[in-house]
Amino acid sequence: DRRVRQLITDGRIRARRVGSQWLVDGASLPSAPRRGRPLSPANAARLLVSSEPPRTHVSRWRTRRERLLDDPDRASLLASWAASRAQRMLFTTREPAGVLDDPAVVRSGISDSRSGISAADVAEAYVRAGDLEQVRRRHLLRPATGQANVILHVGDHLPPSPVPLLLLCADLAEHDDTRAQARANALILEALRS
């Protein structure tokens, strides 16, 4: 029960409480299980943001990048490793495109043009935890109970714009549709070979 509540709080699954039971929206459940333990936020940042090896943990950084390059399902592996990078929160609003114009957010995932996915009816972006409430008020964001049209990755720091390519891949990898998964796999190869 505690784990389910944490997944709901983190925005990883949608559910509502009826009496003493949680009714979980089956569409919000991931189609594939995690493939390993998430990296710590610091190690996830090292892997996702830097194309140059860090001063410390160089061999681990290289080993992870090589493993990711050799894995046939790079997207699911990256999604597992990068799960701790930010809290993924799902919302609804009447004007999702307005969220992307807000200076407090940075586009990512399916809202980043490099994804090659046209999703005008959905906004995906990063926002600092300290700016979340203001962004929610400005755009009248409500927690999604059904289909979400705003996906916010909430963290302590805002990534640069545009987001680093592997960070974009991690966001795409969290989508369950095959287009996003295929695009994540292709972009991971591009990021690691450049």
N, C-alpha and C. Protein backbone atom coordinates (compact mmCIF):
# COMPACT_ATOMS: atom_id res chain seq x y z
N ASP A 1 0.83 -1.19 0.00
CA ASP A 1 0.00 0.00 0.00
C ASP A 1 0.87 1.26 0.00
N ARG A 2 1.96 1.24 0.77
CA ARG A 2 2.84 2.41 0.83
C ARG A 2 3.50 2.65 -0.53
N ARG A 3 3.93 1.61 -1.21
CA ARG A 3 4.56 1.74 -2.52
C ARG A 3 3.57 2.30 -3.54
N VAL A 4 2.33 1.83 -3.50
CA VAL A 4 1.30 2.33 -4.42
C VAL A 4 1.06 3.81 -4.17
N ARG A 5 0.96 4.21 -2.92
CA ARG A 5 0.77 5.63 -2.60
C ARG A 5 1.94 6.47 -3.11
N GLN A 6 3.16 5.95 -3.00
CA GLN A 6 4.32 6.68 -3.48
C GLN A 6 4.28 6.84 -5.01
N LEU A 7 3.89 5.79 -5.72
CA LEU A 7 3.77 5.87 -7.17
C LEU A 7 2.71 6.88 -7.58
N ILE A 8 1.62 6.95 -6.84
CA ILE A 8 0.56 7.93 -7.11
C ILE A 8 1.07 9.33 -6.85
N THR A 9 1.73 9.54 -5.71
CA THR A 9 2.28 10.85 -5.35
C THR A 9 3.30 11.32 -6.38
N ASP A 10 4.13 10.40 -6.88
CA ASP A 10 5.15 10.73 -7.86
C ASP A 10 4.59 10.96 -9.25
N GLY A 11 3.29 10.70 -9.44
CA GLY A 11 2.69 10.88 -10.75
C GLY A 11 3.00 9.76 -11.72
N ARG A 12 3.53 8.65 -11.23
CA ARG A 12 3.88 7.53 -12.11
C ARG A 12 2.66 6.70 -12.49
N ILE A 13 1.64 6.70 -11.62
CA ILE A 13 0.37 6.06 -11.94
C ILE A 13 -0.76 6.98 -11.50
N ARG A 14 -1.90 6.85 -12.17
CA ARG A 14 -3.08 7.64 -11.80
C ARG A 14 -4.03 6.73 -11.03
N ALA A 15 -4.57 7.27 -9.95
CA ALA A 15 -5.51 6.50 -9.14
C ALA A 15 -6.36 7.45 -8.33
N ARG A 16 -7.46 6.93 -7.85
CA ARG A 16 -8.29 7.69 -6.91
C ARG A 16 -8.73 6.75 -5.81
N ARG A 17 -8.93 7.35 -4.67
CA ARG A 17 -9.29 6.56 -3.49
C ARG A 17 -10.80 6.48 -3.37
N VAL A 18 -11.29 5.28 -3.17
CA VAL A 18 -12.71 5.04 -2.92
C VAL A 18 -12.78 4.24 -1.63
N GLY A 19 -13.21 4.90 -0.56
CA GLY A 19 -13.21 4.24 0.74
C GLY A 19 -11.79 3.95 1.17
N SER A 20 -11.51 2.71 1.46
CA SER A 20 -10.15 2.34 1.89
C SER A 20 -9.34 1.72 0.75
N GLN A 21 -9.89 1.73 -0.47
CA GLN A 21 -9.24 1.11 -1.62
C GLN A 21 -8.76 2.16 -2.62
N TRP A 22 -7.70 1.83 -3.35
CA TRP A 22 -7.22 2.67 -4.44
C TRP A 22 -7.69 2.06 -5.75
N LEU A 23 -8.34 2.85 -6.59
CA LEU A 23 -8.71 2.41 -7.93
C LEU A 23 -7.66 2.97 -8.89
N VAL A 24 -6.88 2.09 -9.47
CA VAL A 24 -5.76 2.48 -10.33
C VAL A 24 -6.22 2.46 -11.78
N ASP A 25 -5.94 3.55 -12.49
CA ASP A 25 -6.23 3.63 -13.92
C ASP A 25 -5.24 2.72 -14.65
N GLY A 26 -5.73 1.65 -15.25
CA GLY A 26 -4.89 0.67 -15.92
C GLY A 26 -4.07 1.26 -17.04
N ALA A 27 -4.58 2.32 -17.70
CA ALA A 27 -3.85 2.95 -18.79
C ALA A 27 -2.60 3.66 -18.30
N SER A 28 -2.54 3.97 -17.01
CA SER A 28 -1.37 4.68 -16.49
C SER A 28 -0.25 3.74 -16.05
N LEU A 29 -0.53 2.44 -16.07
CA LEU A 29 0.49 1.47 -15.67
C LEU A 29 1.50 1.29 -16.80
N PRO A 30 2.78 1.24 -16.50
CA PRO A 30 3.76 1.05 -17.57
C PRO A 30 3.59 -0.32 -18.21
N SER A 31 3.83 -0.35 -19.53
CA SER A 31 3.66 -1.62 -20.24
C SER A 31 4.85 -2.55 -20.03
N ALA A 32 5.99 -1.99 -19.65
CA ALA A 32 7.19 -2.81 -19.45
C ALA A 32 7.74 -2.55 -18.05
N PRO A 33 8.17 -3.61 -17.38
CA PRO A 33 8.74 -3.41 -16.04
C PRO A 33 10.11 -2.74 -16.13
N ARG A 34 10.53 -2.17 -15.02
CA ARG A 34 11.86 -1.57 -14.96
C ARG A 34 12.91 -2.66 -15.16
N ARG A 35 14.01 -2.31 -15.78
CA ARG A 35 15.06 -3.28 -16.08
C ARG A 35 16.22 -3.22 -15.12
N GLY A 36 16.08 -2.49 -14.06
CA GLY A 36 17.15 -2.38 -13.08
C GLY A 36 16.84 -1.26 -12.12
N ARG A 37 17.71 -1.13 -11.14
CA ARG A 37 17.55 -0.06 -10.16
C ARG A 37 17.86 1.28 -10.80
N PRO A 38 17.09 2.31 -10.44
CA PRO A 38 17.42 3.65 -10.94
C PRO A 38 18.77 4.09 -10.39
N LEU A 39 19.49 4.85 -11.18
CA LEU A 39 20.73 5.46 -10.71
C LEU A 39 20.38 6.55 -9.71
N SER A 40 21.34 6.91 -8.88
CA SER A 40 21.13 8.05 -7.99
C SER A 40 20.92 9.28 -8.86
N PRO A 41 20.27 10.32 -8.34
CA PRO A 41 20.10 11.54 -9.15
C PRO A 41 21.42 12.09 -9.69
N ALA A 42 22.48 12.05 -8.88
CA ALA A 42 23.78 12.56 -9.34
C ALA A 42 24.34 11.71 -10.48
N ASN A 43 24.27 10.38 -10.36
CA ASN A 43 24.78 9.51 -11.42
C ASN A 43 23.92 9.60 -12.68
N ALA A 44 22.60 9.75 -12.50
CA ALA A 44 21.71 9.93 -13.66
C ALA A 44 22.08 11.21 -14.39
N ALA A 45 22.33 12.28 -13.65
CA ALA A 45 22.72 13.55 -14.28
C ALA A 45 24.04 13.41 -15.03
N ARG A 46 25.01 12.70 -14.43
CA ARG A 46 26.30 12.48 -15.11
C ARG A 46 26.10 11.77 -16.44
N LEU A 47 25.25 10.76 -16.44
CA LEU A 47 25.03 9.97 -17.64
C LEU A 47 24.25 10.76 -18.69
N LEU A 48 23.21 11.48 -18.26
CA LEU A 48 22.29 12.11 -19.20
C LEU A 48 22.75 13.46 -19.73
N VAL A 49 23.48 14.19 -18.94
CA VAL A 49 23.78 15.58 -19.29
C VAL A 49 25.15 15.75 -19.91
N SER A 50 26.11 14.96 -19.51
CA SER A 50 27.48 15.18 -19.95
C SER A 50 27.88 14.25 -21.09
N SER A 51 28.44 14.84 -22.14
CA SER A 51 28.98 14.00 -23.21
C SER A 51 30.47 13.73 -22.98
N GLU A 52 31.02 14.39 -22.00
CA GLU A 52 32.42 14.19 -21.61
C GLU A 52 32.45 13.42 -20.29
N PRO A 53 33.41 12.53 -20.10
CA PRO A 53 33.47 11.77 -18.85
C PRO A 53 33.70 12.71 -17.65
N PRO A 54 33.06 12.41 -16.53
CA PRO A 54 33.28 13.22 -15.33
C PRO A 54 34.69 12.99 -14.79
N ARG A 55 35.12 13.83 -13.88
CA ARG A 55 36.47 13.68 -13.30
C ARG A 55 36.58 12.43 -12.43
N THR A 56 35.46 12.08 -11.80
CA THR A 56 35.44 10.87 -10.97
C THR A 56 34.48 9.86 -11.62
N HIS A 57 34.61 8.62 -11.28
CA HIS A 57 33.72 7.55 -11.78
C HIS A 57 33.77 7.41 -13.30
N VAL A 58 34.92 7.67 -13.90
CA VAL A 58 35.06 7.62 -15.35
C VAL A 58 34.74 6.23 -15.89
N SER A 59 35.25 5.19 -15.25
CA SER A 59 35.03 3.83 -15.78
C SER A 59 33.56 3.44 -15.70
N ARG A 60 32.88 3.82 -14.63
CA ARG A 60 31.43 3.52 -14.53
C ARG A 60 30.65 4.25 -15.61
N TRP A 61 31.00 5.51 -15.83
CA TRP A 61 30.33 6.32 -16.85
C TRP A 61 30.49 5.68 -18.22
N ARG A 62 31.71 5.28 -18.55
CA ARG A 62 31.97 4.65 -19.86
C ARG A 62 31.27 3.30 -19.97
N THR A 63 31.31 2.51 -18.89
CA THR A 63 30.68 1.19 -18.91
C THR A 63 29.17 1.31 -19.15
N ARG A 64 28.54 2.27 -18.48
CA ARG A 64 27.10 2.46 -18.67
C ARG A 64 26.78 2.88 -20.10
N ARG A 65 27.55 3.79 -20.64
CA ARG A 65 27.33 4.24 -22.02
C ARG A 65 27.54 3.09 -23.01
N GLU A 66 28.55 2.26 -22.79
CA GLU A 66 28.79 1.10 -23.67
C GLU A 66 27.66 0.09 -23.55
N ARG A 67 27.21 -0.16 -22.32
CA ARG A 67 26.10 -1.10 -22.13
C ARG A 67 24.84 -0.59 -22.82
N LEU A 68 24.60 0.70 -22.70
CA LEU A 68 23.44 1.31 -23.34
C LEU A 68 23.53 1.20 -24.86
N LEU A 69 24.70 1.39 -25.40
CA LEU A 69 24.93 1.30 -26.84
C LEU A 69 24.72 -0.12 -27.35
N ASP A 70 25.12 -1.12 -26.56
CA ASP A 70 25.03 -2.53 -26.98
C ASP A 70 23.67 -3.16 -26.71
N ASP A 71 22.83 -2.55 -25.90
CA ASP A 71 21.56 -3.15 -25.51
C ASP A 71 20.55 -3.07 -26.66
N PRO A 72 19.84 -4.16 -26.96
CA PRO A 72 18.85 -4.13 -28.05
C PRO A 72 17.63 -3.26 -27.72
N ASP A 73 17.33 -3.07 -26.43
CA ASP A 73 16.20 -2.21 -26.04
C ASP A 73 16.74 -1.06 -25.18
N ARG A 74 17.46 -0.17 -25.84
CA ARG A 74 18.12 0.94 -25.14
C ARG A 74 17.13 1.80 -24.37
N ALA A 75 15.96 2.04 -24.95
CA ALA A 75 14.99 2.95 -24.34
C ALA A 75 14.53 2.46 -22.96
N SER A 76 14.22 1.18 -22.85
CA SER A 76 13.74 0.69 -21.55
C SER A 76 14.86 0.67 -20.52
N LEU A 77 16.08 0.39 -20.95
CA LEU A 77 17.20 0.43 -20.02
C LEU A 77 17.45 1.86 -19.54
N LEU A 78 17.43 2.81 -20.46
CA LEU A 78 17.64 4.21 -20.08
C LEU A 78 16.52 4.70 -19.16
N ALA A 79 15.29 4.32 -19.45
CA ALA A 79 14.16 4.72 -18.60
C ALA A 79 14.34 4.18 -17.18
N SER A 80 14.82 2.97 -17.05
CA SER A 80 15.06 2.38 -15.74
C SER A 80 16.15 3.13 -14.99
N TRP A 81 17.25 3.37 -15.67
CA TRP A 81 18.38 4.05 -15.03
C TRP A 81 18.05 5.49 -14.66
N ALA A 82 17.28 6.18 -15.50
CA ALA A 82 17.06 7.62 -15.33
C ALA A 82 15.81 7.96 -14.53
N ALA A 83 15.17 6.99 -13.92
CA ALA A 83 13.90 7.23 -13.22
C ALA A 83 14.02 8.25 -12.09
N SER A 84 15.20 8.43 -11.53
CA SER A 84 15.36 9.35 -10.39
C SER A 84 15.68 10.78 -10.81
N ARG A 85 15.76 11.06 -12.11
CA ARG A 85 16.22 12.38 -12.56
C ARG A 85 15.27 13.50 -12.19
N ALA A 86 13.96 13.23 -12.13
CA ALA A 86 12.96 14.23 -11.80
C ALA A 86 11.65 13.52 -11.49
N GLN A 87 10.77 14.22 -10.82
CA GLN A 87 9.45 13.67 -10.54
C GLN A 87 8.56 13.95 -11.74
N ARG A 88 7.95 12.94 -12.30
CA ARG A 88 7.08 13.08 -13.47
C ARG A 88 5.65 13.29 -12.98
N MET A 89 5.07 14.44 -13.33
CA MET A 89 3.72 14.76 -12.87
C MET A 89 2.81 14.98 -14.08
N LEU A 90 1.59 14.47 -13.99
CA LEU A 90 0.64 14.52 -15.09
C LEU A 90 -0.50 15.47 -14.74
N PHE A 91 -0.83 16.35 -15.70
CA PHE A 91 -1.87 17.36 -15.50
C PHE A 91 -2.77 17.45 -16.72
N THR A 92 -3.87 18.19 -16.55
CA THR A 92 -4.73 18.55 -17.68
C THR A 92 -4.94 20.06 -17.64
N THR A 93 -5.14 20.63 -18.82
CA THR A 93 -5.46 22.04 -18.96
C THR A 93 -6.13 22.24 -20.31
N ARG A 94 -6.80 23.37 -20.48
CA ARG A 94 -7.46 23.64 -21.76
C ARG A 94 -6.47 24.04 -22.85
N GLU A 95 -5.38 24.68 -22.46
CA GLU A 95 -4.39 25.18 -23.43
C GLU A 95 -3.00 24.62 -23.13
N PRO A 96 -2.71 23.36 -23.48
CA PRO A 96 -1.39 22.82 -23.18
C PRO A 96 -0.25 23.56 -23.88
N ALA A 97 -0.50 24.13 -25.05
CA ALA A 97 0.55 24.85 -25.78
C ALA A 97 1.03 26.07 -25.00
N GLY A 98 0.16 26.68 -24.21
CA GLY A 98 0.54 27.84 -23.41
C GLY A 98 1.60 27.51 -22.39
N VAL A 99 1.60 26.29 -21.90
CA VAL A 99 2.60 25.86 -20.92
C VAL A 99 3.99 25.93 -21.53
N LEU A 100 4.10 25.56 -22.79
CA LEU A 100 5.41 25.53 -23.47
C LEU A 100 5.98 26.91 -23.72
N ASP A 101 5.12 27.94 -23.72
CA ASP A 101 5.57 29.32 -23.91
C ASP A 101 5.99 29.97 -22.60
N ASP A 102 5.77 29.28 -21.48
CA ASP A 102 6.10 29.85 -20.17
C ASP A 102 7.62 29.88 -20.01
N PRO A 103 8.20 31.02 -19.58
CA PRO A 103 9.66 31.09 -19.42
C PRO A 103 10.19 30.22 -18.28
N ALA A 104 9.32 29.70 -17.43
CA ALA A 104 9.76 28.87 -16.31
C ALA A 104 9.92 27.41 -16.68
N VAL A 105 9.63 27.04 -17.93
CA VAL A 105 9.73 25.64 -18.35
C VAL A 105 10.69 25.49 -19.52
N VAL A 106 11.22 24.27 -19.68
CA VAL A 106 12.09 23.91 -20.80
C VAL A 106 11.47 22.70 -21.48
N ARG A 107 11.21 22.82 -22.77
CA ARG A 107 10.59 21.73 -23.55
C ARG A 107 11.45 20.47 -23.51
N SER A 108 10.77 19.34 -23.55
CA SER A 108 11.46 18.07 -23.64
C SER A 108 10.49 17.02 -24.16
N GLY A 109 10.96 15.78 -24.22
CA GLY A 109 10.08 14.68 -24.62
C GLY A 109 9.42 14.94 -25.96
N ILE A 110 8.14 14.65 -26.03
CA ILE A 110 7.42 14.78 -27.30
C ILE A 110 7.22 16.23 -27.72
N SER A 111 7.47 17.18 -26.84
CA SER A 111 7.35 18.61 -27.19
C SER A 111 8.64 19.18 -27.75
N ASP A 112 9.71 18.42 -27.74
CA ASP A 112 10.98 18.85 -28.30
C ASP A 112 10.98 18.48 -29.79
N SER A 113 11.28 19.43 -30.65
CA SER A 113 11.22 19.17 -32.10
C SER A 113 12.17 18.05 -32.53
N ARG A 114 13.25 17.81 -31.79
CA ARG A 114 14.18 16.73 -32.15
C ARG A 114 13.55 15.35 -32.00
N SER A 115 12.44 15.26 -31.27
CA SER A 115 11.79 13.96 -31.09
C SER A 115 11.18 13.47 -32.40
N GLY A 116 10.86 14.41 -33.30
CA GLY A 116 10.24 14.03 -34.56
C GLY A 116 8.80 13.58 -34.40
N ILE A 117 8.21 13.86 -33.26
CA ILE A 117 6.83 13.44 -32.98
C ILE A 117 5.97 14.69 -32.89
N SER A 118 4.91 14.73 -33.67
CA SER A 118 4.00 15.86 -33.65
C SER A 118 2.92 15.59 -32.61
N ALA A 119 2.94 16.37 -31.55
CA ALA A 119 1.95 16.19 -30.48
C ALA A 119 1.50 17.57 -30.00
N ALA A 120 0.78 18.28 -30.85
CA ALA A 120 0.35 19.64 -30.53
C ALA A 120 -0.63 19.69 -29.37
N ASP A 121 -1.30 18.58 -29.11
CA ASP A 121 -2.30 18.56 -28.04
C ASP A 121 -1.72 18.14 -26.69
N VAL A 122 -0.39 17.94 -26.61
CA VAL A 122 0.26 17.54 -25.36
C VAL A 122 1.50 18.40 -25.18
N ALA A 123 1.73 18.84 -23.94
CA ALA A 123 2.93 19.61 -23.61
C ALA A 123 3.77 18.79 -22.63
N GLU A 124 5.07 18.69 -22.92
CA GLU A 124 5.99 18.00 -22.02
C GLU A 124 7.19 18.90 -21.78
N ALA A 125 7.52 19.10 -20.51
CA ALA A 125 8.59 20.05 -20.19
C ALA A 125 9.15 19.80 -18.80
N TYR A 126 10.28 20.46 -18.53
CA TYR A 126 10.88 20.47 -17.20
C TYR A 126 10.53 21.78 -16.51
N VAL A 127 10.37 21.71 -15.20
CA VAL A 127 10.13 22.89 -14.38
C VAL A 127 10.84 22.69 -13.04
N ARG A 128 11.37 23.77 -12.50
CA ARG A 128 11.97 23.69 -11.16
C ARG A 128 10.88 23.50 -10.12
N ALA A 129 11.18 22.74 -9.09
CA ALA A 129 10.20 22.49 -8.02
C ALA A 129 9.71 23.79 -7.42
N GLY A 130 10.60 24.78 -7.28
CA GLY A 130 10.21 26.07 -6.71
C GLY A 130 9.28 26.88 -7.59
N ASP A 131 9.20 26.56 -8.88
CA ASP A 131 8.33 27.28 -9.82
C ASP A 131 7.04 26.53 -10.13
N LEU A 132 6.91 25.31 -9.66
CA LEU A 132 5.78 24.46 -10.03
C LEU A 132 4.44 25.09 -9.69
N GLU A 133 4.27 25.57 -8.48
CA GLU A 133 2.96 26.13 -8.08
C GLU A 133 2.57 27.33 -8.94
N GLN A 134 3.52 28.21 -9.24
CA GLN A 134 3.22 29.36 -10.09
C GLN A 134 2.82 28.92 -11.49
N VAL A 135 3.52 27.94 -12.04
CA VAL A 135 3.18 27.43 -13.37
C VAL A 135 1.80 26.79 -13.33
N ARG A 136 1.51 26.05 -12.28
CA ARG A 136 0.18 25.43 -12.16
C ARG A 136 -0.93 26.48 -12.13
N ARG A 137 -0.71 27.56 -11.37
CA ARG A 137 -1.72 28.62 -11.28
C ARG A 137 -1.86 29.38 -12.59
N ARG A 138 -0.74 29.71 -13.21
CA ARG A 138 -0.79 30.48 -14.47
C ARG A 138 -1.54 29.74 -15.57
N HIS A 139 -1.42 28.43 -15.60
CA HIS A 139 -2.01 27.65 -16.70
C HIS A 139 -3.19 26.79 -16.26
N LEU A 140 -3.66 27.02 -15.06
CA LEU A 140 -4.81 26.29 -14.52
C LEU A 140 -4.65 24.77 -14.67
N LEU A 141 -3.49 24.29 -14.26
CA LEU A 141 -3.20 22.86 -14.36
C LEU A 141 -3.88 22.11 -13.22
N ARG A 142 -4.60 21.05 -13.57
CA ARG A 142 -5.24 20.18 -12.59
C ARG A 142 -4.62 18.80 -12.70
N PRO A 143 -4.46 18.11 -11.57
CA PRO A 143 -3.94 16.73 -11.66
C PRO A 143 -4.81 15.89 -12.60
N ALA A 144 -4.17 15.14 -13.45
CA ALA A 144 -4.89 14.33 -14.43
C ALA A 144 -5.56 13.15 -13.75
N THR A 145 -6.85 12.99 -14.03
CA THR A 145 -7.56 11.81 -13.56
C THR A 145 -7.81 10.85 -14.71
N GLY A 146 -7.75 11.35 -15.91
CA GLY A 146 -7.88 10.53 -17.11
C GLY A 146 -6.65 10.74 -17.96
N GLN A 147 -6.87 11.06 -19.23
CA GLN A 147 -5.76 11.30 -20.15
C GLN A 147 -5.11 12.64 -19.85
N ALA A 148 -3.82 12.65 -19.60
CA ALA A 148 -3.08 13.88 -19.31
C ALA A 148 -2.71 14.57 -20.62
N ASN A 149 -2.73 15.91 -20.61
CA ASN A 149 -2.22 16.63 -21.78
C ASN A 149 -1.05 17.55 -21.43
N VAL A 150 -0.59 17.48 -20.17
CA VAL A 150 0.62 18.18 -19.74
C VAL A 150 1.44 17.22 -18.89
N ILE A 151 2.69 17.03 -19.27
CA ILE A 151 3.62 16.19 -18.51
C ILE A 151 4.75 17.11 -18.05
N LEU A 152 4.89 17.25 -16.74
CA LEU A 152 5.96 18.08 -16.20
C LEU A 152 6.95 17.21 -15.44
N HIS A 153 8.22 17.40 -15.74
CA HIS A 153 9.30 16.74 -15.03
C HIS A 153 9.81 17.77 -14.02
N VAL A 154 9.60 17.49 -12.75
CA VAL A 154 9.88 18.47 -11.70
C VAL A 154 11.18 18.10 -10.99
N GLY A 155 12.11 19.03 -10.95
CA GLY A 155 13.40 18.79 -10.31
C GLY A 155 13.91 20.03 -9.60
N ASP A 156 15.04 19.87 -8.94
CA ASP A 156 15.65 20.99 -8.22
C ASP A 156 16.25 22.02 -9.17
N HIS A 157 16.69 21.58 -10.35
CA HIS A 157 17.35 22.46 -11.30
C HIS A 157 16.67 22.35 -12.65
N LEU A 158 16.69 23.43 -13.40
CA LEU A 158 16.15 23.44 -14.76
C LEU A 158 17.28 23.09 -15.72
N PRO A 159 17.07 22.12 -16.61
CA PRO A 159 18.13 21.78 -17.57
C PRO A 159 18.27 22.90 -18.60
N PRO A 160 19.38 22.91 -19.33
CA PRO A 160 19.54 23.93 -20.37
C PRO A 160 18.52 23.71 -21.49
N SER A 161 18.31 24.74 -22.28
CA SER A 161 17.41 24.64 -23.43
C SER A 161 18.24 24.78 -24.70
N PRO A 162 18.18 23.83 -25.60
CA PRO A 162 17.42 22.58 -25.55
C PRO A 162 18.07 21.61 -24.56
N VAL A 163 17.25 20.67 -24.09
CA VAL A 163 17.76 19.70 -23.13
C VAL A 163 18.81 18.82 -23.81
N PRO A 164 19.79 18.30 -23.05
CA PRO A 164 20.76 17.37 -23.64
C PRO A 164 20.03 16.17 -24.29
N LEU A 165 20.60 15.66 -25.35
CA LEU A 165 19.94 14.63 -26.15
C LEU A 165 19.58 13.38 -25.35
N LEU A 166 20.47 12.90 -24.47
CA LEU A 166 20.13 11.70 -23.68
C LEU A 166 19.00 11.98 -22.68
N LEU A 167 18.90 13.21 -22.20
CA LEU A 167 17.78 13.57 -21.32
C LEU A 167 16.47 13.53 -22.10
N LEU A 168 16.50 14.04 -23.31
CA LEU A 168 15.34 13.95 -24.20
C LEU A 168 14.96 12.49 -24.42
N CYS A 169 15.96 11.64 -24.64
CA CYS A 169 15.71 10.21 -24.85
C CYS A 169 15.05 9.56 -23.63
N ALA A 170 15.53 9.92 -22.43
CA ALA A 170 14.95 9.36 -21.21
C ALA A 170 13.48 9.74 -21.09
N ASP A 171 13.14 10.97 -21.48
CA ASP A 171 11.74 11.39 -21.42
C ASP A 171 10.90 10.65 -22.45
N LEU A 172 11.41 10.49 -23.65
CA LEU A 172 10.68 9.73 -24.68
C LEU A 172 10.51 8.27 -24.26
N ALA A 173 11.52 7.72 -23.61
CA ALA A 173 11.49 6.31 -23.21
C ALA A 173 10.40 6.03 -22.18
N GLU A 174 9.95 7.06 -21.46
CA GLU A 174 8.89 6.85 -20.48
C GLU A 174 7.49 6.77 -21.10
N HIS A 175 7.38 7.09 -22.37
CA HIS A 175 6.09 6.98 -23.07
C HIS A 175 5.90 5.53 -23.49
N ASP A 176 4.66 5.08 -23.43
CA ASP A 176 4.39 3.69 -23.76
C ASP A 176 4.11 3.44 -25.24
N ASP A 177 3.99 4.51 -26.04
CA ASP A 177 3.68 4.25 -27.44
C ASP A 177 4.94 3.88 -28.22
N THR A 178 4.77 3.08 -29.24
CA THR A 178 5.89 2.52 -29.98
C THR A 178 6.68 3.58 -30.74
N ARG A 179 6.01 4.65 -31.22
CA ARG A 179 6.74 5.72 -31.92
C ARG A 179 7.77 6.36 -31.01
N ALA A 180 7.36 6.71 -29.79
CA ALA A 180 8.27 7.36 -28.85
C ALA A 180 9.41 6.42 -28.46
N GLN A 181 9.10 5.15 -28.27
CA GLN A 181 10.14 4.17 -27.94
C GLN A 181 11.15 4.03 -29.07
N ALA A 182 10.65 3.93 -30.30
CA ALA A 182 11.54 3.78 -31.46
C ALA A 182 12.40 5.03 -31.63
N ARG A 183 11.80 6.18 -31.45
CA ARG A 183 12.55 7.44 -31.58
C ARG A 183 13.61 7.55 -30.49
N ALA A 184 13.25 7.13 -29.26
CA ALA A 184 14.23 7.15 -28.17
C ALA A 184 15.41 6.24 -28.49
N ASN A 185 15.14 5.04 -28.99
CA ASN A 185 16.22 4.12 -29.35
C ASN A 185 17.14 4.71 -30.41
N ALA A 186 16.56 5.35 -31.42
CA ALA A 186 17.37 5.95 -32.49
C ALA A 186 18.19 7.13 -31.98
N LEU A 187 17.58 7.97 -31.15
CA LEU A 187 18.28 9.15 -30.64
C LEU A 187 19.37 8.78 -29.63
N ILE A 188 19.18 7.68 -28.91
CA ILE A 188 20.23 7.21 -28.00
C ILE A 188 21.47 6.86 -28.81
N LEU A 189 21.29 6.14 -29.91
CA LEU A 189 22.43 5.82 -30.78
C LEU A 189 23.12 7.09 -31.27
N GLU A 190 22.32 8.05 -31.71
CA GLU A 190 22.88 9.31 -32.19
C GLU A 190 23.67 10.03 -31.10
N ALA A 191 23.11 10.06 -29.89
CA ALA A 191 23.77 10.75 -28.77
C ALA A 191 25.07 10.07 -28.38
N LEU A 192 25.09 8.75 -28.37
CA LEU A 192 26.27 8.04 -27.92
C LEU A 192 27.37 7.95 -28.98
N ARG A 193 26.99 8.08 -30.21
CA ARG A 193 27.98 7.99 -31.30
C ARG A 193 28.56 9.35 -31.67
N SER A 194 27.98 10.42 -31.16
CA SER A 194 28.47 11.75 -31.52
C SER A 194 29.63 12.18 -30.65
